[in-house]
Amino acid sequence: MSTLMKTSNPAFAGNTYTAPGVGVGYGPTMTISGTVNKAGILMLCVLATAAYSWNQFYTNGPQAVGGLVMVGMFGGLIAAFATIFKKEWSPITAPIYALFEGLMLGSLSAMLELRFPGIAIESVALTFGTCFCLLMAYRSGLVRATPKFTVGIIAATGGIAIVYFASMILGLFHVQVPGIFGSGPIGILFSLAVVVIAALNLILDFSFIEDGATRGAPKYMEWYSAFGLMVTLVWLYLEIIRLLSKLRDRR
């Protein structure tokens, strides 16, 4: 894969495996199987804290998880930046990121589950099902991260980021972006498009992980690569549960 290939995942910049401080080819190197194992550990971290916040919600009520959402959101953001800028810290900061994200995901999922019973397990199943299907498609060669494909996904992801950022800024002035965040046809189509783009980002992640293993990136990059994959999976889960909540709201 070309060193100029990029991805919209901030964890996988175009020079992820060749940046200063990433000693490619020295000592033990990363492998795809090792990355998968590390991703499994991160997933267990997410599930552990998600289960804790979920239990807090149903034991002590919604007021018990309001703080957990904020702690998870900002703690995860800080851990993510630390991981991105200090890749060699990833064996420590990646699990910390996963633990914080679990607090947020468990709390938000419990809130939506109370309103739409069954939505959490459906979202989890669709997230992992999508990941598995795309992994099989990638491994079989059916879908590849070609330059045109990559540019298209990056452009689409950037457009989504701009829309979300603009809506957040406008929200501070009590101005709502019409349609796209509602449960009407426009809102559902927008969420469906975002889910598709988030899912296709997994193809870029798979390609970058494969590239790192081929280049002989250092062993700690398994943790970093697993972290990058987790970033996309968290985004995909949030967009899927948002889409399902819109669909349920129309019933």
C-alpha atoms as a PDB file:
ATOM      1  CA  MET A   1       0.000   0.000   0.000  1.00  0.00           C
ATOM      2  CA  SER A   2       1.353   3.464  -0.855  1.00  0.00           C
ATOM      3  CA  THR A   3       2.808   5.552   1.959  1.00  0.00           C
ATOM      4  CA  LEU A   4       0.752   8.442   0.652  1.00  0.00           C
ATOM      5  CA  MET A   5      -2.520   6.651   1.276  1.00  0.00           C
ATOM      6  CA  LYS A   6      -4.561   8.455   3.901  1.00  0.00           C
ATOM      7  CA  THR A   7      -7.640   7.781   5.992  1.00  0.00           C
ATOM      8  CA  SER A   8     -10.240   9.907   7.718  1.00  0.00           C
ATOM      9  CA  ASN A   9      -9.570   8.151  11.037  1.00  0.00           C
ATOM     10  CA  PRO A  10      -7.407  10.617  13.044  1.00  0.00           C
ATOM     11  CA  ALA A  11      -5.535   7.683  14.568  1.00  0.00           C
ATOM     12  CA  PHE A  12      -4.404   6.498  11.132  1.00  0.00           C
ATOM     13  CA  ALA A  13      -2.748   9.480   9.502  1.00  0.00           C
ATOM     14  CA  GLY A  14      -0.877   8.931   6.276  1.00  0.00           C
ATOM     15  CA  ASN A  15       2.446   8.630   8.119  1.00  0.00           C
ATOM     16  CA  THR A  16       1.211   6.604  11.091  1.00  0.00           C
ATOM     17  CA  TYR A  17       3.764   3.829  10.668  1.00  0.00           C
ATOM     18  CA  THR A  18       6.602   5.981   9.314  1.00  0.00           C
ATOM     19  CA  ALA A  19       6.386   9.013  11.620  1.00  0.00           C
ATOM     20  CA  PRO A  20       9.386   9.991  13.784  1.00  0.00           C
ATOM     21  CA  GLY A  21       9.533   7.813  16.879  1.00  0.00           C
ATOM     22  CA  VAL A  22       7.981   4.775  15.167  1.00  0.00           C
ATOM     23  CA  GLY A  23      11.009   2.533  14.799  1.00  0.00           C
ATOM     24  CA  VAL A  24       9.981   0.298  11.921  1.00  0.00           C
ATOM     25  CA  GLY A  25      11.989  -2.889  11.620  1.00  0.00           C
ATOM     26  CA  TYR A  26      13.716  -2.847  15.040  1.00  0.00           C
ATOM     27  CA  GLY A  27      12.967  -5.512  17.645  1.00  0.00           C
ATOM     28  CA  PRO A  28       9.618  -7.361  17.854  1.00  0.00           C
ATOM     29  CA  THR A  29       7.164  -6.169  15.224  1.00  0.00           C
ATOM     30  CA  MET A  30       3.398  -5.901  15.072  1.00  0.00           C
ATOM     31  CA  THR A  31       1.252  -8.595  13.499  1.00  0.00           C
ATOM     32  CA  ILE A  32      -2.349  -8.683  12.369  1.00  0.00           C
ATOM     33  CA  SER A  33      -3.196 -11.448  14.850  1.00  0.00           C
ATOM     34  CA  GLY A  34      -1.562  -9.465  17.653  1.00  0.00           C
ATOM     35  CA  THR A  35      -3.614  -6.417  16.703  1.00  0.00           C
ATOM     36  CA  VAL A  36      -6.797  -8.496  16.735  1.00  0.00           C
ATOM     37  CA  ASN A  37      -5.940  -9.750  20.222  1.00  0.00           C
ATOM     38  CA  LYS A  38      -5.329  -6.209  21.453  1.00  0.00           C
ATOM     39  CA  ALA A  39      -8.629  -5.075  19.904  1.00  0.00           C
ATOM     40  CA  GLY A  40     -10.342  -7.879  21.826  1.00  0.00           C
ATOM     41  CA  ILE A  41      -8.819  -6.628  25.081  1.00  0.00           C
ATOM     42  CA  LEU A  42      -9.975  -3.082  24.353  1.00  0.00           C
ATOM     43  CA  MET A  43     -13.453  -4.386  23.626  1.00  0.00           C
ATOM     44  CA  LEU A  44     -13.521  -6.152  26.995  1.00  0.00           C
ATOM     45  CA  CYS A  45     -12.531  -2.851  28.643  1.00  0.00           C
ATOM     46  CA  VAL A  46     -15.416  -1.105  26.884  1.00  0.00           C
ATOM     47  CA  LEU A  47     -17.872  -3.832  27.899  1.00  0.00           C
ATOM     48  CA  ALA A  48     -16.714  -3.755  31.544  1.00  0.00           C
ATOM     49  CA  THR A  49     -17.329  -0.050  32.111  1.00  0.00           C
ATOM     50  CA  ALA A  50     -20.410  -0.056  29.873  1.00  0.00           C
ATOM     51  CA  ALA A  51     -21.894  -2.775  32.093  1.00  0.00           C
ATOM     52  CA  TYR A  52     -21.045  -0.712  35.172  1.00  0.00           C
ATOM     53  CA  SER A  53     -22.745   2.460  33.907  1.00  0.00           C
ATOM     54  CA  TRP A  54     -25.694   0.420  32.596  1.00  0.00           C
ATOM     55  CA  ASN A  55     -26.135  -1.139  36.053  1.00  0.00           C
ATOM     56  CA  GLN A  56     -25.883   2.277  37.705  1.00  0.00           C
ATOM     57  CA  PHE A  57     -28.635   3.586  35.463  1.00  0.00           C
ATOM     58  CA  TYR A  58     -31.073   0.773  36.240  1.00  0.00           C
ATOM     59  CA  THR A  59     -30.152   0.600  39.931  1.00  0.00           C
ATOM     60  CA  ASN A  60     -30.008   4.278  40.873  1.00  0.00           C
ATOM     61  CA  GLY A  61     -31.846   6.002  38.031  1.00  0.00           C
ATOM     62  CA  PRO A  62     -30.861   8.397  35.228  1.00  0.00           C
ATOM     63  CA  GLN A  63     -29.361  10.930  37.643  1.00  0.00           C
ATOM     64  CA  ALA A  64     -26.657   8.387  38.502  1.00  0.00           C
ATOM     65  CA  VAL A  65     -25.133   8.361  35.010  1.00  0.00           C
ATOM     66  CA  GLY A  66     -25.238  12.039  34.035  1.00  0.00           C
ATOM     67  CA  GLY A  67     -21.755  12.532  35.418  1.00  0.00           C
ATOM     68  CA  LEU A  68     -20.524   9.266  33.908  1.00  0.00           C
ATOM     69  CA  VAL A  69     -21.439  10.474  30.420  1.00  0.00           C
ATOM     70  CA  MET A  70     -19.331  13.618  30.862  1.00  0.00           C
ATOM     71  CA  VAL A  71     -16.442  11.752  32.478  1.00  0.00           C
ATOM     72  CA  GLY A  72     -16.481   9.179  29.701  1.00  0.00           C
ATOM     73  CA  MET A  73     -16.724  11.767  26.942  1.00  0.00           C
ATOM     74  CA  PHE A  74     -13.979  14.123  28.102  1.00  0.00           C
ATOM     75  CA  GLY A  75     -11.796  11.406  29.608  1.00  0.00           C
ATOM     76  CA  GLY A  76     -11.971   9.457  26.366  1.00  0.00           C
ATOM     77  CA  LEU A  77     -11.106  12.572  24.361  1.00  0.00           C
ATOM     78  CA  ILE A  78      -8.043  13.293  26.490  1.00  0.00           C
ATOM     79  CA  ALA A  79      -6.899   9.651  26.332  1.00  0.00           C
ATOM     80  CA  ALA A  80      -7.422   9.628  22.560  1.00  0.00           C
ATOM     81  CA  PHE A  81      -5.269  12.732  22.035  1.00  0.00           C
ATOM     82  CA  ALA A  82      -2.589  11.316  24.325  1.00  0.00           C
ATOM     83  CA  THR A  83      -2.577   8.089  22.305  1.00  0.00           C
ATOM     84  CA  ILE A  84      -2.428   9.857  18.946  1.00  0.00           C
ATOM     85  CA  PHE A  85       0.422  12.191  19.894  1.00  0.00           C
ATOM     86  CA  LYS A  86       2.403   9.651  21.947  1.00  0.00           C
ATOM     87  CA  LYS A  87       1.975   6.360  20.136  1.00  0.00           C
ATOM     88  CA  GLU A  88       4.485   4.581  22.368  1.00  0.00           C
ATOM     89  CA  TRP A  89       2.117   5.211  25.291  1.00  0.00           C
ATOM     90  CA  SER A  90      -0.683   3.270  23.567  1.00  0.00           C
ATOM     91  CA  PRO A  91      -0.285   0.056  25.644  1.00  0.00           C
ATOM     92  CA  ILE A  92      -1.476   2.195  28.581  1.00  0.00           C
ATOM     93  CA  THR A  93      -3.536   4.982  27.031  1.00  0.00           C
ATOM     94  CA  ALA A  94      -5.528   2.761  24.624  1.00  0.00           C
ATOM     95  CA  PRO A  95      -7.107   0.684  27.438  1.00  0.00           C
ATOM     96  CA  ILE A  96      -7.768   3.910  29.372  1.00  0.00           C
ATOM     97  CA  TYR A  97      -9.541   5.300  26.297  1.00  0.00           C
ATOM     98  CA  ALA A  98     -11.632   2.128  26.040  1.00  0.00           C
ATOM     99  CA  LEU A  99     -12.612   2.285  29.720  1.00  0.00           C
ATOM    100  CA  PHE A 100     -13.757   5.896  29.402  1.00  0.00           C
ATOM    101  CA  GLU A 101     -15.688   5.175  26.215  1.00  0.00           C
ATOM    102  CA  GLY A 102     -17.476   2.318  27.927  1.00  0.00           C
ATOM    103  CA  LEU A 103     -18.767   4.684  30.613  1.00  0.00           C
ATOM    104  CA  MET A 104     -20.250   6.955  27.960  1.00  0.00           C
ATOM    105  CA  LEU A 105     -21.625   4.204  25.719  1.00  0.00           C
ATOM    106  CA  GLY A 106     -23.194   2.264  28.578  1.00  0.00           C
ATOM    107  CA  SER A 107     -24.903   5.366  29.948  1.00  0.00           C
ATOM    108  CA  LEU A 108     -26.242   6.574  26.600  1.00  0.00           C
ATOM    109  CA  SER A 109     -27.351   3.077  25.640  1.00  0.00           C
ATOM    110  CA  ALA A 110     -29.243   2.639  28.904  1.00  0.00           C
ATOM    111  CA  MET A 111     -31.043   5.947  28.388  1.00  0.00           C
ATOM    112  CA  LEU A 112     -32.168   4.947  24.897  1.00  0.00           C
ATOM    113  CA  GLU A 113     -32.976   1.405  26.015  1.00  0.00           C
ATOM    114  CA  LEU A 114     -35.436   2.775  28.570  1.00  0.00           C
ATOM    115  CA  ARG A 115     -37.255   4.635  25.785  1.00  0.00           C
ATOM    116  CA  PHE A 116     -36.820   2.027  23.043  1.00  0.00           C
ATOM    117  CA  PRO A 117     -36.544  -1.468  24.586  1.00  0.00           C
ATOM    118  CA  GLY A 118     -34.157  -3.749  22.720  1.00  0.00           C
ATOM    119  CA  ILE A 119     -32.345  -0.969  20.860  1.00  0.00           C
ATOM    120  CA  ALA A 120     -28.995  -1.522  22.599  1.00  0.00           C
ATOM    121  CA  ILE A 121     -28.586  -5.190  21.683  1.00  0.00           C
ATOM    122  CA  GLU A 122     -29.763  -4.457  18.139  1.00  0.00           C
ATOM    123  CA  SER A 123     -27.135  -1.730  17.792  1.00  0.00           C
ATOM    124  CA  VAL A 124     -24.376  -3.956  19.171  1.00  0.00           C
ATOM    125  CA  ALA A 125     -25.355  -6.785  16.818  1.00  0.00           C
ATOM    126  CA  LEU A 126     -25.476  -4.493  13.787  1.00  0.00           C
ATOM    127  CA  THR A 127     -22.118  -2.914  14.677  1.00  0.00           C
ATOM    128  CA  PHE A 128     -20.284  -6.222  14.999  1.00  0.00           C
ATOM    129  CA  GLY A 129     -22.185  -7.742  12.086  1.00  0.00           C
ATOM    130  CA  THR A 130     -21.189  -4.836   9.864  1.00  0.00           C
ATOM    131  CA  CYS A 131     -17.568  -5.061  10.995  1.00  0.00           C
ATOM    132  CA  PHE A 132     -17.430  -8.812  10.337  1.00  0.00           C
ATOM    133  CA  CYS A 133     -19.034  -8.544   6.889  1.00  0.00           C
ATOM    134  CA  LEU A 134     -16.702  -5.752   5.814  1.00  0.00           C
ATOM    135  CA  LEU A 135     -13.688  -7.646   7.146  1.00  0.00           C
ATOM    136  CA  MET A 136     -14.696 -10.684   5.089  1.00  0.00           C
ATOM    137  CA  ALA A 137     -15.235  -8.488   2.035  1.00  0.00           C
ATOM    138  CA  TYR A 138     -11.820  -6.906   2.539  1.00  0.00           C
ATOM    139  CA  ARG A 139     -10.004 -10.194   3.090  1.00  0.00           C
ATOM    140  CA  SER A 140     -11.623 -11.706  -0.006  1.00  0.00           C
ATOM    141  CA  GLY A 141     -10.560  -8.733  -2.128  1.00  0.00           C
ATOM    142  CA  LEU A 142     -14.143  -7.782  -2.895  1.00  0.00           C
ATOM    143  CA  VAL A 143     -13.553  -4.307  -1.428  1.00  0.00           C
ATOM    144  CA  ARG A 144     -10.154  -2.612  -1.457  1.00  0.00           C
ATOM    145  CA  ALA A 145      -8.910   0.746  -0.253  1.00  0.00           C
ATOM    146  CA  THR A 146      -8.031   2.097  -3.685  1.00  0.00           C
ATOM    147  CA  PRO A 147      -6.893   5.745  -3.969  1.00  0.00           C
ATOM    148  CA  LYS A 148     -10.254   6.865  -5.382  1.00  0.00           C
ATOM    149  CA  PHE A 149     -12.175   4.931  -2.736  1.00  0.00           C
ATOM    150  CA  THR A 150     -10.003   6.431   0.003  1.00  0.00           C
ATOM    151  CA  VAL A 151     -10.368   9.993  -1.260  1.00  0.00           C
ATOM    152  CA  GLY A 152     -14.150   9.578  -1.492  1.00  0.00           C
ATOM    153  CA  ILE A 153     -14.483   8.267   2.064  1.00  0.00           C
ATOM    154  CA  ILE A 154     -12.205  10.970   3.449  1.00  0.00           C
ATOM    155  CA  ALA A 155     -14.181  13.683   1.662  1.00  0.00           C
ATOM    156  CA  ALA A 156     -17.517  12.290   2.871  1.00  0.00           C
ATOM    157  CA  THR A 157     -16.258  11.922   6.445  1.00  0.00           C
ATOM    158  CA  GLY A 158     -14.899  15.453   6.384  1.00  0.00           C
ATOM    159  CA  GLY A 159     -18.264  16.743   5.191  1.00  0.00           C
ATOM    160  CA  ILE A 160     -20.023  14.950   8.040  1.00  0.00           C
ATOM    161  CA  ALA A 161     -17.552  16.396  10.539  1.00  0.00           C
ATOM    162  CA  ILE A 162     -18.227  19.902   9.213  1.00  0.00           C
ATOM    163  CA  VAL A 163     -21.994  19.406   9.521  1.00  0.00           C
ATOM    164  CA  TYR A 164     -21.674  18.146  13.103  1.00  0.00           C
ATOM    165  CA  PHE A 165     -19.292  20.942  14.078  1.00  0.00           C
ATOM    166  CA  ALA A 166     -21.492  23.611  12.487  1.00  0.00           C
ATOM    167  CA  SER A 167     -24.599  22.245  14.202  1.00  0.00           C
ATOM    168  CA  MET A 168     -22.773  22.257  17.543  1.00  0.00           C
ATOM    169  CA  ILE A 169     -21.738  25.902  17.104  1.00  0.00           C
ATOM    170  CA  LEU A 170     -25.212  26.908  15.963  1.00  0.00           C
ATOM    171  CA  GLY A 171     -26.683  25.051  18.927  1.00  0.00           C
ATOM    172  CA  LEU A 172     -24.828  27.392  21.261  1.00  0.00           C
ATOM    173  CA  PHE A 173     -26.953  30.180  19.775  1.00  0.00           C
ATOM    174  CA  HIS A 174     -30.122  28.041  19.963  1.00  0.00           C
ATOM    175  CA  VAL A 175     -30.205  27.599  16.181  1.00  0.00           C
ATOM    176  CA  GLN A 176     -31.162  24.123  15.004  1.00  0.00           C
ATOM    177  CA  VAL A 177     -30.155  22.620  11.661  1.00  0.00           C
ATOM    178  CA  PRO A 178     -33.523  21.685  10.137  1.00  0.00           C
ATOM    179  CA  GLY A 179     -34.365  18.134   9.195  1.00  0.00           C
ATOM    180  CA  ILE A 180     -31.164  16.135   9.530  1.00  0.00           C
ATOM    181  CA  PHE A 181     -31.365  15.469  13.263  1.00  0.00           C
ATOM    182  CA  GLY A 182     -35.099  14.799  13.330  1.00  0.00           C
ATOM    183  CA  SER A 183     -36.939  11.522  12.794  1.00  0.00           C
ATOM    184  CA  GLY A 184     -38.438  12.601   9.477  1.00  0.00           C
ATOM    185  CA  PRO A 185     -37.402  11.184   6.081  1.00  0.00           C
ATOM    186  CA  ILE A 186     -34.531  13.660   5.710  1.00  0.00           C
ATOM    187  CA  GLY A 187     -33.177  12.862   9.157  1.00  0.00           C
ATOM    188  CA  ILE A 188     -33.357   9.114   8.561  1.00  0.00           C
ATOM    189  CA  LEU A 189     -31.660   9.374   5.165  1.00  0.00           C
ATOM    190  CA  PHE A 190     -28.923  11.529   6.670  1.00  0.00           C
ATOM    191  CA  SER A 191     -28.298   9.041   9.497  1.00  0.00           C
ATOM    192  CA  LEU A 192     -28.318   6.138   7.039  1.00  0.00           C
ATOM    193  CA  ALA A 193     -25.703   7.898   4.907  1.00  0.00           C
ATOM    194  CA  VAL A 194     -23.540   8.574   7.979  1.00  0.00           C
ATOM    195  CA  VAL A 195     -23.776   4.914   9.046  1.00  0.00           C
ATOM    196  CA  VAL A 196     -22.607   3.824   5.584  1.00  0.00           C
ATOM    197  CA  ILE A 197     -19.661   6.239   5.632  1.00  0.00           C
ATOM    198  CA  ALA A 198     -18.697   5.212   9.167  1.00  0.00           C
ATOM    199  CA  ALA A 199     -18.826   1.554   8.134  1.00  0.00           C
ATOM    200  CA  LEU A 200     -16.693   2.114   5.035  1.00  0.00           C
ATOM    201  CA  ASN A 201     -14.065   3.769   7.220  1.00  0.00           C
ATOM    202  CA  LEU A 202     -13.444   0.271   8.584  1.00  0.00           C
ATOM    203  CA  ILE A 203     -12.040  -0.699   5.172  1.00  0.00           C
ATOM    204  CA  LEU A 204      -9.460   2.074   5.466  1.00  0.00           C
ATOM    205  CA  ASP A 205      -8.632   0.939   8.996  1.00  0.00           C
ATOM    206  CA  PHE A 206      -8.132  -2.677   7.877  1.00  0.00           C
ATOM    207  CA  SER A 207      -5.852  -1.488   5.096  1.00  0.00           C
ATOM    208  CA  PHE A 208      -3.717   0.606   7.438  1.00  0.00           C
ATOM    209  CA  ILE A 209      -3.393  -2.217   9.956  1.00  0.00           C
ATOM    210  CA  GLU A 210      -2.296  -4.578   7.193  1.00  0.00           C
ATOM    211  CA  ASP A 211       0.168  -1.960   5.972  1.00  0.00           C
ATOM    212  CA  GLY A 212       1.689  -1.579   9.441  1.00  0.00           C
ATOM    213  CA  ALA A 213       2.186  -5.328   9.811  1.00  0.00           C
ATOM    214  CA  THR A 214       3.770  -5.516   6.346  1.00  0.00           C
ATOM    215  CA  ARG A 215       6.175  -2.687   7.154  1.00  0.00           C
ATOM    216  CA  GLY A 216       7.255  -4.309  10.407  1.00  0.00           C
ATOM    217  CA  ALA A 217       6.037  -1.569  12.732  1.00  0.00           C
ATOM    218  CA  PRO A 218       7.110  -1.996  16.392  1.00  0.00           C
ATOM    219  CA  LYS A 219       5.130  -4.265  18.676  1.00  0.00           C
ATOM    220  CA  TYR A 220       3.445  -1.436  20.610  1.00  0.00           C
ATOM    221  CA  MET A 221       1.774  -0.360  17.376  1.00  0.00           C
ATOM    222  CA  GLU A 222      -0.565  -3.325  17.825  1.00  0.00           C
ATOM    223  CA  TRP A 223      -2.126  -1.394  20.702  1.00  0.00           C
ATOM    224  CA  TYR A 224      -2.191   1.785  18.669  1.00  0.00           C
ATOM    225  CA  SER A 225      -3.750   0.068  15.665  1.00  0.00           C
ATOM    226  CA  ALA A 226      -6.369  -1.584  17.884  1.00  0.00           C
ATOM    227  CA  PHE A 227      -7.121   1.850  19.325  1.00  0.00           C
ATOM    228  CA  GLY A 228      -7.630   3.285  15.822  1.00  0.00           C
ATOM    229  CA  LEU A 229     -10.037   0.484  14.983  1.00  0.00           C
ATOM    230  CA  MET A 230     -11.910   1.078  18.245  1.00  0.00           C
ATOM    231  CA  VAL A 231     -12.368   4.765  17.382  1.00  0.00           C
ATOM    232  CA  THR A 232     -14.228   3.797  14.211  1.00  0.00           C
ATOM    233  CA  LEU A 233     -16.296   1.104  15.933  1.00  0.00           C
ATOM    234  CA  VAL A 234     -17.415   3.542  18.647  1.00  0.00           C
ATOM    235  CA  TRP A 235     -18.442   6.046  15.979  1.00  0.00           C
ATOM    236  CA  LEU A 236     -20.270   3.355  14.008  1.00  0.00           C
ATOM    237  CA  TYR A 237     -22.153   2.152  17.104  1.00  0.00           C
ATOM    238  CA  LEU A 238     -23.255   5.672  18.010  1.00  0.00           C
ATOM    239  CA  GLU A 239     -24.513   6.329  14.478  1.00  0.00           C
ATOM    240  CA  ILE A 240     -26.364   3.007  14.310  1.00  0.00           C
ATOM    241  CA  ILE A 241     -28.130   3.554  17.622  1.00  0.00           C
ATOM    242  CA  ARG A 242     -28.995   7.094  16.500  1.00  0.00           C
ATOM    243  CA  LEU A 243     -30.504   5.738  13.261  1.00  0.00           C
ATOM    244  CA  LEU A 244     -32.474   3.040  15.086  1.00  0.00           C
ATOM    245  CA  SER A 245     -33.821   5.575  17.583  1.00  0.00           C
ATOM    246  CA  LYS A 246     -35.086   7.726  14.698  1.00  0.00           C
ATOM    247  CA  LEU A 247     -36.776   4.725  13.106  1.00  0.00           C
ATOM    248  CA  ARG A 248     -38.351   3.694  16.411  1.00  0.00           C
ATOM    249  CA  ASP A 249     -39.520   7.272  17.013  1.00  0.00           C
ATOM    250  CA  ARG A 250     -41.614   7.138  13.833  1.00  0.00           C
ATOM    251  CA  ARG A 251     -43.658   4.133  14.966  1.00  0.00           C
END
